[in-house]
Amino acid sequence: MTNLDIDYVLKRGVAEIIVEEEMRALLRSGKKLRLKEGFDPSFPDIHLGHMVALRKLRQFQEMGHQIVLIVADWTAQIGDPSGMSVTRPMLTLEQVKANAQTYMQQFFKIVDKQKTEIRWQSEWFDKFTLTDIIRLTSKFTVAQFLARDDFSARYKAEKPIAITELLYPLLQAYDSVAIKADVEFGGTDQKFNFLVGRELQSMVGQRPQQCFMVPLLVGTDGSQKMSKSLGNYIGVAEPPEQIYGKAMSVPDSLLLNYFELITDVHDAELKEFKKGLDNATINPMTLKKRLAREIITQLYNLKATAAAEEHFERTVQRKEMPDEIAECRLSFKELCPPNIEVGIDLSKLLVSTGQAKSRSEANRLIAQGAVSIDGEKVTGNIIEVKSGCVVRAGKRRFARVIDTDIP
């Protein structure tokens, strides 16, 4: 590899590398590196936030290095006994396997499956005894772990910290020992865990892994990191039309960040984008369409990209209806409010059709004037609806409602 190649791989879309000079030496050495990527199968889906690290893995894979994907099936079955985390529910083995299957289908939309080694934590932790656990815990002190930001903050606030929680970094660190990882990849929020793995490897006589950290992608809300629980995400397995539509909601201020982290658009062109945005010679909508095309082409193909763009321009920009609209069959009588002879509760209808997740979201859409029936904007909540009409909520959610009370 040339220094120019190494600079691109180690600088574009990278937050921090520990230790960068060691990482550069490894890349120049020609050694085939073992690249560790672990995932918690508590939830099955991947979004663009995960894609930042996965694209880096693919770059290393294309240079001939070996990806080792670790399925954290053992820790996922333990869950989070403290009860303080909603991201680590206790799962059955069947749930873990189902989530892992879905995750890997999405993972391999970005990374080459044929060049990936898949390992399950249970391969080594099923053989662990209490003696092994005690030996592992003896290598670190409580003070070391209380230095981690979240543990430190909770300790100072006198909030409980379960002993099991302290085990998670140790178990993740042992994963690195088990597969003899040369590099571990992930977001900046994993820094402490990566360093524990690096230290544990040194203790057992292995070369300490490099810690390769990428930035946390800010979600479409423009304020918090991308998260499915916050609803500010773009999923890699979503239909192309949805990905395209969501890309249009990326804040103008984050466009260059998205291009840098999840596309291959050349740095020189990104500089032109920045210049155009700064002097207002480029319409942000033009860049959002380019971003949407770049994302969908990576995850699907050019045909799907063209169809998604045509769908957006027709249904959103020209405000035409899509060719295919989901049909929802339901009882209008069940949607009638008490003591009302004519009319149905529109918020209940939107929830029943899946166009709103809750009554509060539905009421918000109605109040914003974002709901229409057969093209006519609706502002009231109690309305008359004809069987077969098309209900539109927001820019992209359509449903044709059929009254099952009519013979």
Protein backbone atom coordinates (compact mmCIF):
# COMPACT_ATOMS: atom_id res chain seq x y z
CA MET A 1 0.00 0.00 0.00
CA THR A 2 1.13 3.54 -0.70
CA ASN A 3 1.09 6.20 2.00
CA LEU A 4 -1.74 7.88 0.07
CA ASP A 5 -3.86 4.71 0.29
CA ILE A 6 -3.12 4.33 4.00
CA ASP A 7 -3.97 7.98 4.67
CA TYR A 8 -7.36 7.57 2.98
CA VAL A 9 -8.25 4.41 4.92
CA LEU A 10 -7.09 5.80 8.26
CA LYS A 11 -8.44 9.35 7.91
CA ARG A 12 -11.66 9.36 5.87
CA GLY A 13 -14.60 8.66 8.22
CA VAL A 14 -12.38 7.86 11.22
CA ALA A 15 -12.64 9.39 14.71
CA GLU A 16 -9.65 7.85 16.50
CA ILE A 17 -7.16 4.98 16.18
CA ILE A 18 -5.21 3.58 19.12
CA VAL A 19 -2.31 3.39 18.25
CA GLU A 20 -2.22 5.01 14.79
CA GLU A 21 1.50 4.59 14.15
CA GLU A 22 1.26 0.89 15.07
CA MET A 23 -1.72 0.59 12.73
CA ARG A 24 0.23 2.17 9.88
CA ALA A 25 3.16 -0.19 10.48
CA LEU A 26 0.84 -3.21 10.39
CA LEU A 27 -0.66 -2.10 7.07
CA ARG A 28 2.77 -1.56 5.56
CA SER A 29 3.97 -4.95 6.82
CA GLY A 30 1.77 -6.91 4.43
CA LYS A 31 0.43 -9.09 7.27
CA LYS A 32 -3.15 -10.36 6.84
CA LEU A 33 -4.92 -8.77 9.80
CA ARG A 34 -7.80 -10.26 11.79
CA LEU A 35 -10.48 -7.58 12.07
CA LYS A 36 -12.92 -8.01 14.93
CA GLU A 37 -16.54 -6.81 14.64
CA GLY A 38 -18.90 -7.87 17.41
CA PHE A 39 -22.64 -7.38 17.54
CA ASP A 40 -25.29 -7.69 20.22
CA PRO A 41 -28.22 -9.67 18.75
CA SER A 42 -30.69 -8.12 21.21
CA PHE A 43 -32.16 -6.34 18.18
CA PRO A 44 -31.90 -7.55 14.57
CA ASP A 45 -31.79 -4.45 12.40
CA ILE A 46 -28.91 -2.37 11.06
CA HIS A 47 -29.15 1.33 10.18
CA LEU A 48 -26.81 3.79 8.49
CA GLY A 49 -25.12 4.48 11.83
CA HIS A 50 -23.81 0.90 11.82
CA MET A 51 -22.89 1.26 8.17
CA VAL A 52 -20.08 3.71 8.97
CA ALA A 53 -17.94 0.99 10.61
CA LEU A 54 -19.09 -1.71 8.17
CA ARG A 55 -17.88 0.33 5.19
CA LYS A 56 -14.47 0.57 6.87
CA LEU A 57 -14.45 -3.19 7.37
CA ARG A 58 -15.22 -3.67 3.68
CA GLN A 59 -12.31 -1.40 2.72
CA PHE A 60 -9.93 -3.54 4.79
CA GLN A 61 -11.54 -6.68 3.38
CA GLU A 62 -10.89 -5.46 -0.17
CA MET A 63 -7.22 -5.01 0.83
CA GLY A 64 -7.05 -8.72 1.70
CA HIS A 65 -7.62 -8.68 5.47
CA GLN A 66 -9.86 -11.09 7.37
CA ILE A 67 -13.11 -9.98 9.03
CA VAL A 68 -14.18 -11.98 12.08
CA LEU A 69 -17.83 -11.35 12.94
CA ILE A 70 -18.64 -12.28 16.55
CA VAL A 71 -22.24 -13.03 17.44
CA ALA A 72 -22.68 -12.17 21.14
CA ASP A 73 -25.16 -14.99 21.65
CA TRP A 74 -23.89 -15.88 25.13
CA THR A 75 -24.18 -12.40 26.67
CA ALA A 76 -27.48 -11.72 24.87
CA GLN A 77 -29.07 -14.62 26.75
CA ILE A 78 -27.94 -13.10 30.06
CA GLY A 79 -29.45 -9.71 29.27
CA ASP A 80 -29.10 -6.81 31.68
CA PRO A 81 -30.09 -7.94 35.19
CA SER A 82 -29.86 -4.39 36.56
CA GLY A 83 -33.10 -3.59 34.76
CA MET A 84 -31.69 -0.20 33.83
CA SER A 85 -31.12 -0.88 30.14
CA VAL A 86 -33.82 -1.23 27.51
CA THR A 87 -31.24 -2.19 24.90
CA ARG A 88 -30.24 -5.46 26.56
CA PRO A 89 -33.36 -7.56 27.17
CA MET A 90 -32.87 -11.17 28.24
CA LEU A 91 -33.37 -13.37 25.16
CA THR A 92 -33.95 -17.04 24.52
CA LEU A 93 -31.55 -18.96 22.30
CA GLU A 94 -34.24 -19.08 19.58
CA GLN A 95 -34.64 -15.28 19.69
CA VAL A 96 -30.89 -14.81 19.50
CA LYS A 97 -30.63 -17.06 16.44
CA ALA A 98 -33.56 -15.33 14.71
CA ASN A 99 -32.11 -11.86 15.35
CA ALA A 100 -28.65 -12.97 14.28
CA GLN A 101 -30.01 -14.34 11.01
CA THR A 102 -31.74 -11.03 10.19
CA TYR A 103 -28.68 -9.03 11.25
CA MET A 104 -26.34 -11.05 9.07
CA GLN A 105 -28.60 -10.74 6.02
CA GLN A 106 -28.27 -6.97 6.39
CA PHE A 107 -24.58 -7.11 7.36
CA PHE A 108 -23.76 -8.91 4.12
CA LYS A 109 -25.47 -6.21 2.05
CA ILE A 110 -22.32 -4.21 2.85
CA VAL A 111 -19.59 -6.75 3.64
CA ASP A 112 -18.52 -9.74 1.51
CA LYS A 113 -19.95 -12.89 3.10
CA GLN A 114 -17.49 -15.20 1.36
CA LYS A 115 -14.57 -13.38 3.00
CA THR A 116 -16.04 -13.25 6.52
CA GLU A 117 -15.38 -15.66 9.38
CA ILE A 118 -18.43 -16.00 11.68
CA ARG A 119 -17.87 -16.94 15.33
CA TRP A 120 -20.35 -17.37 18.18
CA GLN A 121 -19.40 -16.41 21.75
CA SER A 122 -20.85 -19.68 23.01
CA GLU A 123 -17.94 -21.47 21.32
CA TRP A 124 -15.71 -20.41 24.22
CA PHE A 125 -18.03 -19.18 26.99
CA ASP A 126 -20.07 -22.38 27.11
CA LYS A 127 -16.86 -24.04 28.30
CA PHE A 128 -16.19 -21.43 30.99
CA THR A 129 -16.29 -22.48 34.64
CA LEU A 130 -16.64 -20.32 37.74
CA THR A 131 -12.87 -20.63 38.12
CA ASP A 132 -12.38 -19.14 34.64
CA ILE A 133 -14.67 -16.20 35.47
CA ILE A 134 -12.85 -15.47 38.75
CA ARG A 135 -9.48 -15.61 37.01
CA LEU A 136 -10.75 -13.17 34.41
CA THR A 137 -12.10 -10.70 36.99
CA SER A 138 -8.85 -10.83 38.97
CA LYS A 139 -6.98 -9.11 36.15
CA PHE A 140 -8.69 -5.74 36.63
CA THR A 141 -9.69 -3.53 39.56
CA VAL A 142 -13.02 -1.91 40.37
CA ALA A 143 -11.29 1.47 40.25
CA GLN A 144 -10.27 0.86 36.62
CA PHE A 145 -13.86 0.18 35.62
CA LEU A 146 -15.30 3.08 37.59
CA ALA A 147 -13.15 5.31 35.40
CA ARG A 148 -15.54 4.59 32.52
CA ASP A 149 -17.74 7.65 31.98
CA ASP A 150 -21.17 6.07 32.45
CA PHE A 151 -20.09 4.00 35.48
CA SER A 152 -18.40 7.03 37.03
CA ALA A 153 -21.46 9.24 36.56
CA ARG A 154 -23.81 6.66 38.04
CA TYR A 155 -21.48 5.98 40.97
CA LYS A 156 -21.21 9.68 41.80
CA ALA A 157 -25.00 10.00 41.55
CA GLU A 158 -25.32 7.01 43.93
CA LYS A 159 -27.22 5.02 41.33
CA PRO A 160 -26.87 1.24 41.41
CA ILE A 161 -24.36 -0.61 39.23
CA ALA A 162 -24.86 -4.37 39.02
CA ILE A 163 -21.74 -6.53 39.26
CA THR A 164 -22.87 -8.23 36.07
CA GLU A 165 -22.59 -4.91 34.23
CA LEU A 166 -18.91 -4.79 35.15
CA LEU A 167 -18.49 -8.19 33.52
CA TYR A 168 -19.59 -7.07 30.05
CA PRO A 169 -16.34 -5.22 29.18
CA LEU A 170 -14.38 -8.24 30.43
CA LEU A 171 -16.38 -10.66 28.31
CA GLN A 172 -16.06 -8.45 25.24
CA ALA A 173 -12.33 -8.22 25.92
CA TYR A 174 -12.04 -11.99 26.13
CA ASP A 175 -13.67 -12.23 22.69
CA SER A 176 -10.58 -10.46 21.35
CA VAL A 177 -8.34 -13.01 23.07
CA ALA A 178 -10.40 -15.95 21.78
CA ILE A 179 -10.09 -14.93 18.12
CA LYS A 180 -6.63 -13.30 18.40
CA ALA A 181 -7.92 -9.98 17.06
CA ASP A 182 -5.44 -7.57 15.47
CA VAL A 183 -7.96 -4.71 15.16
CA GLU A 184 -11.37 -4.09 16.74
CA PHE A 185 -13.86 -1.84 14.95
CA GLY A 186 -16.74 0.21 16.35
CA GLY A 187 -18.05 3.60 17.40
CA THR A 188 -16.38 6.02 19.77
CA ASP A 189 -18.78 4.90 22.52
CA GLN A 190 -16.89 1.58 22.61
CA LYS A 191 -13.49 3.07 23.44
CA PHE A 192 -13.31 1.81 27.04
CA ASN A 193 -14.29 -1.74 26.07
CA PHE A 194 -11.75 -1.77 23.23
CA LEU A 195 -8.98 -0.68 25.61
CA VAL A 196 -9.89 -3.43 28.08
CA GLY A 197 -9.51 -5.93 25.24
CA ARG A 198 -6.16 -4.45 24.30
CA GLU A 199 -4.91 -4.70 27.89
CA LEU A 200 -6.18 -8.25 28.39
CA GLN A 201 -4.42 -9.42 25.25
CA SER A 202 -1.14 -7.99 26.55
CA MET A 203 -1.66 -9.82 29.85
CA VAL A 204 -2.01 -13.20 28.12
CA GLY A 205 0.95 -12.66 25.81
CA GLN A 206 -0.88 -11.62 22.63
CA ARG A 207 -0.05 -8.56 20.53
CA PRO A 208 -2.53 -5.89 21.77
CA GLN A 209 -5.26 -5.10 19.26
CA GLN A 210 -5.57 -1.76 17.52
CA CYS A 211 -8.73 0.20 18.44
CA PHE A 212 -10.34 1.56 15.29
CA MET A 213 -13.16 3.98 16.13
CA VAL A 214 -15.55 5.73 13.75
CA PRO A 215 -17.77 8.75 14.50
CA LEU A 216 -21.33 8.23 15.71
CA LEU A 217 -23.66 9.24 12.87
CA VAL A 218 -26.22 11.86 13.91
CA GLY A 219 -29.77 10.85 13.07
CA THR A 220 -32.24 12.55 10.75
CA ASP A 221 -33.48 14.66 13.69
CA GLY A 222 -30.16 16.50 13.54
CA SER A 223 -29.46 16.29 17.26
CA GLN A 224 -28.95 12.76 18.62
CA LYS A 225 -27.03 9.75 17.35
CA MET A 226 -28.95 7.58 14.92
CA SER A 227 -31.09 5.11 16.85
CA LYS A 228 -34.09 2.97 16.04
CA SER A 229 -35.59 3.67 19.47
CA LEU A 230 -35.47 7.41 18.74
CA GLY A 231 -37.06 7.00 15.31
CA ASN A 232 -34.32 9.10 13.65
CA TYR A 233 -32.82 6.26 11.64
CA ILE A 234 -32.57 5.03 8.06
CA GLY A 235 -32.52 1.22 8.00
CA VAL A 236 -30.33 -0.61 5.48
CA ALA A 237 -33.10 -3.15 4.80
CA GLU A 238 -35.88 -0.61 4.29
CA PRO A 239 -37.45 -0.41 0.81
CA PRO A 240 -35.58 1.94 -1.55
CA GLU A 241 -38.54 4.35 -1.66
CA GLN A 242 -38.45 4.75 2.13
CA ILE A 243 -34.68 5.21 2.19
CA TYR A 244 -34.95 7.86 -0.52
CA GLY A 245 -37.72 9.70 1.32
CA LYS A 246 -35.88 9.61 4.64
CA ALA A 247 -32.69 10.89 3.01
CA MET A 248 -34.66 13.99 2.02
CA SER A 249 -35.18 14.73 5.72
CA VAL A 250 -31.45 14.81 6.54
CA PRO A 251 -30.72 18.34 7.86
CA ASP A 252 -28.75 20.55 5.46
CA SER A 253 -26.07 20.99 8.12
CA LEU A 254 -25.36 17.23 8.17
CA LEU A 255 -25.16 16.60 4.42
CA LEU A 256 -21.37 16.76 4.14
CA ASN A 257 -21.03 14.54 7.21
CA TYR A 258 -23.28 11.89 5.66
CA PHE A 259 -21.41 12.05 2.35
CA GLU A 260 -18.07 11.61 4.12
CA LEU A 261 -19.14 8.73 6.37
CA ILE A 262 -21.42 6.60 4.20
CA THR A 263 -20.50 7.27 0.56
CA ASP A 264 -17.47 6.96 -1.71
CA VAL A 265 -17.86 10.43 -3.22
CA HIS A 266 -14.34 11.76 -3.73
CA ASP A 267 -12.90 14.27 -1.24
CA ALA A 268 -12.33 16.80 -4.03
CA GLU A 269 -16.01 16.70 -4.92
CA LEU A 270 -16.96 17.06 -1.25
CA LYS A 271 -14.94 20.27 -1.16
CA GLU A 272 -16.99 21.53 -4.10
CA PHE A 273 -20.20 20.59 -2.25
CA LYS A 274 -19.05 22.58 0.78
CA LYS A 275 -18.13 25.57 -1.33
CA GLY A 276 -21.50 25.47 -3.07
CA LEU A 277 -23.41 25.26 0.20
CA ASP A 278 -21.37 28.06 1.76
CA ASN A 279 -21.99 30.49 -1.10
CA ALA A 280 -25.53 29.21 -1.80
CA THR A 281 -24.78 28.15 -5.39
CA ILE A 282 -25.95 24.57 -4.73
CA ASN A 283 -29.51 23.74 -3.71
CA PRO A 284 -29.38 21.38 -0.69
CA MET A 285 -32.20 19.36 -2.30
CA THR A 286 -29.85 18.53 -5.17
CA LEU A 287 -27.31 17.12 -2.72
CA LYS A 288 -29.98 15.21 -0.81
CA LYS A 289 -31.05 13.49 -4.02
CA ARG A 290 -27.41 12.65 -4.75
CA LEU A 291 -27.03 11.29 -1.21
CA ALA A 292 -30.15 9.14 -1.57
CA ARG A 293 -28.86 7.74 -4.88
CA GLU A 294 -25.45 6.93 -3.38
CA ILE A 295 -27.00 5.07 -0.42
CA ILE A 296 -29.56 3.06 -2.39
CA THR A 297 -27.08 2.07 -5.10
CA GLN A 298 -24.80 0.62 -2.40
CA LEU A 299 -27.61 -1.34 -0.77
CA TYR A 300 -29.59 -2.32 -3.87
CA ASN A 301 -28.76 -1.42 -7.48
CA LEU A 302 -29.10 1.34 -10.08
CA LYS A 303 -32.54 0.16 -11.18
CA ALA A 304 -33.91 0.38 -7.63
CA THR A 305 -32.29 3.81 -7.26
CA ALA A 306 -33.97 5.16 -10.39
CA ALA A 307 -37.36 3.76 -9.34
CA ALA A 308 -37.06 5.28 -5.85
CA GLU A 309 -36.19 8.69 -7.26
CA GLU A 310 -39.08 8.56 -9.73
CA HIS A 311 -41.44 7.56 -6.90
CA PHE A 312 -40.29 10.49 -4.74
CA GLU A 313 -40.60 13.05 -7.50
CA ARG A 314 -44.06 11.79 -8.48
CA THR A 315 -45.60 11.33 -5.02
CA VAL A 316 -43.87 14.12 -3.08
CA GLN A 317 -42.70 16.80 -5.48
CA ARG A 318 -45.58 16.49 -7.95
CA LYS A 319 -47.92 15.21 -5.21
CA GLU A 320 -49.26 12.37 -7.31
CA MET A 321 -50.39 9.06 -5.84
CA PRO A 322 -48.15 5.98 -6.13
CA ASP A 323 -49.11 3.21 -8.55
CA GLU A 324 -49.53 0.68 -5.75
CA ILE A 325 -51.30 1.58 -2.50
CA ALA A 326 -51.66 -0.80 0.44
CA GLU A 327 -55.26 -1.82 1.10
CA CYS A 328 -56.46 -1.83 4.71
CA ARG A 329 -59.70 -3.64 5.54
CA LEU A 330 -61.29 -2.60 8.83
CA SER A 331 -64.60 -1.96 10.56
CA PHE A 332 -65.61 1.69 10.34
CA LYS A 333 -68.13 1.08 13.15
CA GLU A 334 -65.31 0.24 15.54
CA LEU A 335 -63.70 3.58 14.71
CA CYS A 336 -66.80 5.59 15.61
CA PRO A 337 -66.52 7.60 18.85
CA PRO A 338 -69.21 7.00 21.52
CA ASN A 339 -72.51 8.82 20.94
CA ILE A 340 -71.54 9.83 17.40
CA GLU A 341 -73.87 8.58 14.67
CA VAL A 342 -71.94 9.79 11.64
CA GLY A 343 -68.17 9.96 11.30
CA ILE A 344 -65.11 8.14 12.55
CA ASP A 345 -62.15 9.05 14.74
CA LEU A 346 -59.40 9.90 12.25
CA SER A 347 -56.59 9.38 14.78
CA LYS A 348 -57.81 5.82 15.45
CA LEU A 349 -57.99 5.23 11.70
CA LEU A 350 -54.36 6.33 11.19
CA VAL A 351 -53.18 4.00 13.95
CA SER A 352 -55.28 1.11 12.56
CA THR A 353 -53.76 1.54 9.08
CA GLY A 354 -50.23 1.77 10.49
CA GLN A 355 -49.78 5.34 9.23
CA ALA A 356 -49.18 6.53 12.80
CA LYS A 357 -47.58 4.66 15.69
CA SER A 358 -49.84 6.23 18.33
CA ARG A 359 -52.91 8.41 18.78
CA SER A 360 -50.69 11.30 19.85
CA GLU A 361 -48.62 11.05 16.66
CA ALA A 362 -51.82 10.86 14.61
CA ASN A 363 -53.26 13.94 16.29
CA ARG A 364 -50.01 15.78 15.65
CA LEU A 365 -50.15 14.92 11.93
CA ILE A 366 -53.76 16.08 11.75
CA ALA A 367 -52.97 19.35 13.53
CA GLN A 368 -50.06 19.99 11.15
CA GLY A 369 -52.34 19.57 8.13
CA ALA A 370 -50.34 16.55 7.02
CA VAL A 371 -53.38 14.28 6.50
CA SER A 372 -55.56 14.21 3.39
CA ILE A 373 -58.36 12.01 2.09
CA ASP A 374 -58.64 11.58 -1.68
CA GLY A 375 -56.40 14.61 -2.04
CA GLU A 376 -58.38 16.90 0.29
CA LYS A 377 -56.58 18.13 3.39
CA VAL A 378 -58.29 17.21 6.67
CA THR A 379 -58.04 19.30 9.84
CA GLY A 380 -60.79 17.83 12.04
CA ASN A 381 -60.59 14.59 14.00
CA ILE A 382 -64.20 13.37 13.53
CA ILE A 383 -64.84 12.98 9.82
CA GLU A 384 -66.90 11.04 7.31
CA VAL A 385 -64.92 8.53 5.30
CA LYS A 386 -66.11 6.53 2.29
CA SER A 387 -65.06 2.94 1.79
CA GLY A 388 -62.34 2.76 -0.87
CA CYS A 389 -60.93 6.25 -0.30
CA VAL A 390 -57.18 6.90 -0.11
CA VAL A 391 -55.80 8.29 3.15
CA ARG A 392 -52.44 10.02 3.05
CA ALA A 393 -50.43 10.81 6.20
CA GLY A 394 -47.27 12.84 5.80
CA LYS A 395 -45.41 12.72 2.51
CA ARG A 396 -45.00 8.99 1.96
CA ARG A 397 -47.68 7.02 3.83
CA PHE A 398 -50.70 6.01 1.76
CA ALA A 399 -53.53 3.56 2.55
CA ARG A 400 -56.74 2.63 0.76
CA VAL A 401 -59.34 1.91 3.46
CA ILE A 402 -62.10 -0.64 2.91
CA ASP A 403 -65.09 -0.79 5.26
CA THR A 404 -65.67 -4.43 6.22
CA ASP A 405 -69.13 -3.56 7.59
CA ILE A 406 -70.37 -3.12 4.02
CA PRO A 407 -71.48 -6.45 2.47
